[in-house]
Amino acid sequence: MDKPASTRQLKVARELQRDLSEIIRSKGMAFFGGCMVTVSEVRISPDLSIAKVFVSIFPSAGAPQAMQTLEENKRALRGELGRKVASQLRIVPELDFFLDTTLDYAEHIEELLKK
């Protein structure tokens, strides 16, 4: 079982989520093939070296291309993030992107309940 996140981890994760959201929003939808990409959650390792970034993508049909774009631009995004958090963090965490399918799952359940 995972240890609960410390207060510092939670604060850093919230800050990273806010900053990454801003960076991704500044890229625009065209950068992601017309998809809207939203950072839904960030979880950070206890040593603050790895950040798991969960993103929601709308429309979900464009998710594979948008995820590929995120992966291909991971270093540049980390560099921009580093400039934003340089005064708060000694090291900028490695970014690992994951698709957040919570909305798709909720939509699926809703459809099943309508039947």
C-alpha atoms as a PDB file:
ATOM      1  CA  MET A   1       0.000   0.000   0.000  1.00  0.00           C
ATOM      2  CA  ASP A   2       1.295   3.472  -0.888  1.00  0.00           C
ATOM      3  CA  LYS A   3       2.257   5.899   1.829  1.00  0.00           C
ATOM      4  CA  PRO A   4      -0.017   8.964   1.965  1.00  0.00           C
ATOM      5  CA  ALA A   5       1.480  12.043   0.347  1.00  0.00           C
ATOM      6  CA  SER A   6       3.147  14.538   2.665  1.00  0.00           C
ATOM      7  CA  THR A   7       1.988  18.133   2.930  1.00  0.00           C
ATOM      8  CA  ARG A   8       5.049  19.233   0.948  1.00  0.00           C
ATOM      9  CA  GLN A   9       4.286  16.716  -1.823  1.00  0.00           C
ATOM     10  CA  LEU A  10       0.699  17.960  -2.031  1.00  0.00           C
ATOM     11  CA  LYS A  11       1.768  21.621  -2.170  1.00  0.00           C
ATOM     12  CA  VAL A  12       4.400  20.951  -4.846  1.00  0.00           C
ATOM     13  CA  ALA A  13       1.931  18.838  -6.851  1.00  0.00           C
ATOM     14  CA  ARG A  14      -0.668  21.629  -6.752  1.00  0.00           C
ATOM     15  CA  GLU A  15       1.893  24.203  -7.880  1.00  0.00           C
ATOM     16  CA  LEU A  16       3.094  21.943 -10.712  1.00  0.00           C
ATOM     17  CA  GLN A  17      -0.502  21.340 -11.803  1.00  0.00           C
ATOM     18  CA  ARG A  18      -1.190  25.088 -11.916  1.00  0.00           C
ATOM     19  CA  ASP A  19       2.031  25.880 -13.803  1.00  0.00           C
ATOM     20  CA  LEU A  20       1.728  22.979 -16.267  1.00  0.00           C
ATOM     21  CA  SER A  21      -1.906  23.912 -16.963  1.00  0.00           C
ATOM     22  CA  GLU A  22      -0.795  27.434 -17.803  1.00  0.00           C
ATOM     23  CA  ILE A  23       2.034  26.209 -20.070  1.00  0.00           C
ATOM     24  CA  ILE A  24      -0.224  23.751 -21.919  1.00  0.00           C
ATOM     25  CA  ARG A  25      -3.004  26.330 -22.278  1.00  0.00           C
ATOM     26  CA  SER A  26      -0.497  28.813 -23.752  1.00  0.00           C
ATOM     27  CA  LYS A  27       0.364  26.284 -26.487  1.00  0.00           C
ATOM     28  CA  GLY A  28      -3.215  26.391 -27.764  1.00  0.00           C
ATOM     29  CA  MET A  29      -5.499  23.697 -29.126  1.00  0.00           C
ATOM     30  CA  ALA A  30      -3.850  23.739 -32.555  1.00  0.00           C
ATOM     31  CA  PHE A  31      -0.608  22.466 -30.977  1.00  0.00           C
ATOM     32  CA  PHE A  32      -2.504  19.349 -29.825  1.00  0.00           C
ATOM     33  CA  GLY A  33      -4.317  18.671 -33.100  1.00  0.00           C
ATOM     34  CA  GLY A  34      -7.439  20.603 -32.164  1.00  0.00           C
ATOM     35  CA  CYS A  35      -7.864  18.881 -28.802  1.00  0.00           C
ATOM     36  CA  MET A  36      -8.358  20.609 -25.492  1.00  0.00           C
ATOM     37  CA  VAL A  37      -5.807  19.278 -23.000  1.00  0.00           C
ATOM     38  CA  THR A  38      -6.423  19.791 -19.277  1.00  0.00           C
ATOM     39  CA  VAL A  39      -4.113  18.807 -16.434  1.00  0.00           C
ATOM     40  CA  SER A  40      -6.502  17.020 -14.072  1.00  0.00           C
ATOM     41  CA  GLU A  41      -4.028  15.861 -11.420  1.00  0.00           C
ATOM     42  CA  VAL A  42      -0.333  15.734 -10.577  1.00  0.00           C
ATOM     43  CA  ARG A  43       1.184  13.189  -8.199  1.00  0.00           C
ATOM     44  CA  ILE A  44       4.779  13.657  -7.140  1.00  0.00           C
ATOM     45  CA  SER A  45       7.224  11.105  -5.759  1.00  0.00           C
ATOM     46  CA  PRO A  46       8.402  11.512  -2.131  1.00  0.00           C
ATOM     47  CA  ASP A  47      11.822  12.754  -3.296  1.00  0.00           C
ATOM     48  CA  LEU A  48      10.126  15.252  -5.680  1.00  0.00           C
ATOM     49  CA  SER A  49      12.042  13.848  -8.666  1.00  0.00           C
ATOM     50  CA  ILE A  50       9.169  12.346 -10.688  1.00  0.00           C
ATOM     51  CA  ALA A  51       5.789  13.888 -11.417  1.00  0.00           C
ATOM     52  CA  LYS A  52       2.942  11.784 -12.773  1.00  0.00           C
ATOM     53  CA  VAL A  53       0.816  14.192 -14.787  1.00  0.00           C
ATOM     54  CA  PHE A  54      -2.737  13.082 -15.530  1.00  0.00           C
ATOM     55  CA  VAL A  55      -4.384  14.851 -18.464  1.00  0.00           C
ATOM     56  CA  SER A  56      -7.952  14.910 -19.757  1.00  0.00           C
ATOM     57  CA  ILE A  57      -8.303  15.299 -23.502  1.00  0.00           C
ATOM     58  CA  PHE A  58     -11.424  16.468 -25.321  1.00  0.00           C
ATOM     59  CA  PRO A  59     -12.561  15.175 -27.720  1.00  0.00           C
ATOM     60  CA  SER A  60     -11.304  11.778 -26.581  1.00  0.00           C
ATOM     61  CA  ALA A  61     -10.950  10.612 -30.201  1.00  0.00           C
ATOM     62  CA  GLY A  62      -7.871  12.860 -30.492  1.00  0.00           C
ATOM     63  CA  ALA A  63      -6.286  11.495 -27.311  1.00  0.00           C
ATOM     64  CA  PRO A  64      -3.635   9.278 -28.988  1.00  0.00           C
ATOM     65  CA  GLN A  65      -2.282  12.152 -31.090  1.00  0.00           C
ATOM     66  CA  ALA A  66      -2.393  14.623 -28.178  1.00  0.00           C
ATOM     67  CA  MET A  67      -0.588  12.140 -25.880  1.00  0.00           C
ATOM     68  CA  GLN A  68       2.062  11.607 -28.556  1.00  0.00           C
ATOM     69  CA  THR A  69       2.538  15.391 -28.833  1.00  0.00           C
ATOM     70  CA  LEU A  70       2.960  15.619 -25.040  1.00  0.00           C
ATOM     71  CA  GLU A  71       5.536  12.802 -25.060  1.00  0.00           C
ATOM     72  CA  GLU A  72       7.476  14.332 -27.964  1.00  0.00           C
ATOM     73  CA  ASN A  73       7.578  17.723 -26.230  1.00  0.00           C
ATOM     74  CA  LYS A  74       8.240  16.427 -22.711  1.00  0.00           C
ATOM     75  CA  ARG A  75      11.724  17.989 -22.503  1.00  0.00           C
ATOM     76  CA  ALA A  76      10.573  21.403 -23.727  1.00  0.00           C
ATOM     77  CA  LEU A  77       7.616  21.376 -21.309  1.00  0.00           C
ATOM     78  CA  ARG A  78       9.945  20.416 -18.444  1.00  0.00           C
ATOM     79  CA  GLY A  79      12.269  23.277 -19.450  1.00  0.00           C
ATOM     80  CA  GLU A  80       9.429  25.809 -19.376  1.00  0.00           C
ATOM     81  CA  LEU A  81       8.258  24.406 -16.057  1.00  0.00           C
ATOM     82  CA  GLY A  82      11.814  24.756 -14.730  1.00  0.00           C
ATOM     83  CA  ARG A  83      11.834  28.453 -15.534  1.00  0.00           C
ATOM     84  CA  LYS A  84       8.557  28.895 -13.626  1.00  0.00           C
ATOM     85  CA  VAL A  85       9.505  26.927 -10.500  1.00  0.00           C
ATOM     86  CA  ALA A  86      13.247  27.700 -10.377  1.00  0.00           C
ATOM     87  CA  SER A  87      12.892  29.799  -7.240  1.00  0.00           C
ATOM     88  CA  GLN A  88      10.850  27.141  -5.389  1.00  0.00           C
ATOM     89  CA  LEU A  89      12.450  23.813  -6.365  1.00  0.00           C
ATOM     90  CA  ARG A  90      16.061  22.727  -6.551  1.00  0.00           C
ATOM     91  CA  ILE A  91      15.380  20.077  -9.162  1.00  0.00           C
ATOM     92  CA  VAL A  92      12.629  20.076 -11.746  1.00  0.00           C
ATOM     93  CA  PRO A  93      10.877  16.706 -11.671  1.00  0.00           C
ATOM     94  CA  GLU A  94      10.817  14.342 -14.643  1.00  0.00           C
ATOM     95  CA  LEU A  95       7.376  14.438 -16.243  1.00  0.00           C
ATOM     96  CA  ASP A  96       5.423  11.256 -16.985  1.00  0.00           C
ATOM     97  CA  PHE A  97       2.124  11.836 -18.783  1.00  0.00           C
ATOM     98  CA  PHE A  98      -0.909   9.605 -18.278  1.00  0.00           C
ATOM     99  CA  LEU A  99      -4.346   9.806 -19.846  1.00  0.00           C
ATOM    100  CA  ASP A 100      -7.087  10.477 -17.284  1.00  0.00           C
ATOM    101  CA  THR A 101     -10.104   8.489 -18.458  1.00  0.00           C
ATOM    102  CA  THR A 102     -12.360   9.416 -15.537  1.00  0.00           C
ATOM    103  CA  LEU A 103     -14.698  11.524 -17.695  1.00  0.00           C
ATOM    104  CA  ASP A 104     -15.011   8.806 -20.349  1.00  0.00           C
ATOM    105  CA  TYR A 105     -15.764   6.253 -17.641  1.00  0.00           C
ATOM    106  CA  ALA A 106     -18.430   8.500 -16.062  1.00  0.00           C
ATOM    107  CA  GLU A 107     -19.994   9.054 -19.494  1.00  0.00           C
ATOM    108  CA  HIS A 108     -20.039   5.297 -20.120  1.00  0.00           C
ATOM    109  CA  ILE A 109     -21.748   4.630 -16.762  1.00  0.00           C
ATOM    110  CA  GLU A 110     -24.301   7.346 -17.514  1.00  0.00           C
ATOM    111  CA  GLU A 111     -25.090   5.723 -20.874  1.00  0.00           C
ATOM    112  CA  LEU A 112     -25.543   2.327 -19.189  1.00  0.00           C
ATOM    113  CA  LEU A 113     -27.897   3.824 -16.603  1.00  0.00           C
ATOM    114  CA  LYS A 114     -30.069   5.377 -19.331  1.00  0.00           C
ATOM    115  CA  LYS A 115     -30.836   1.947 -20.821  1.00  0.00           C
END
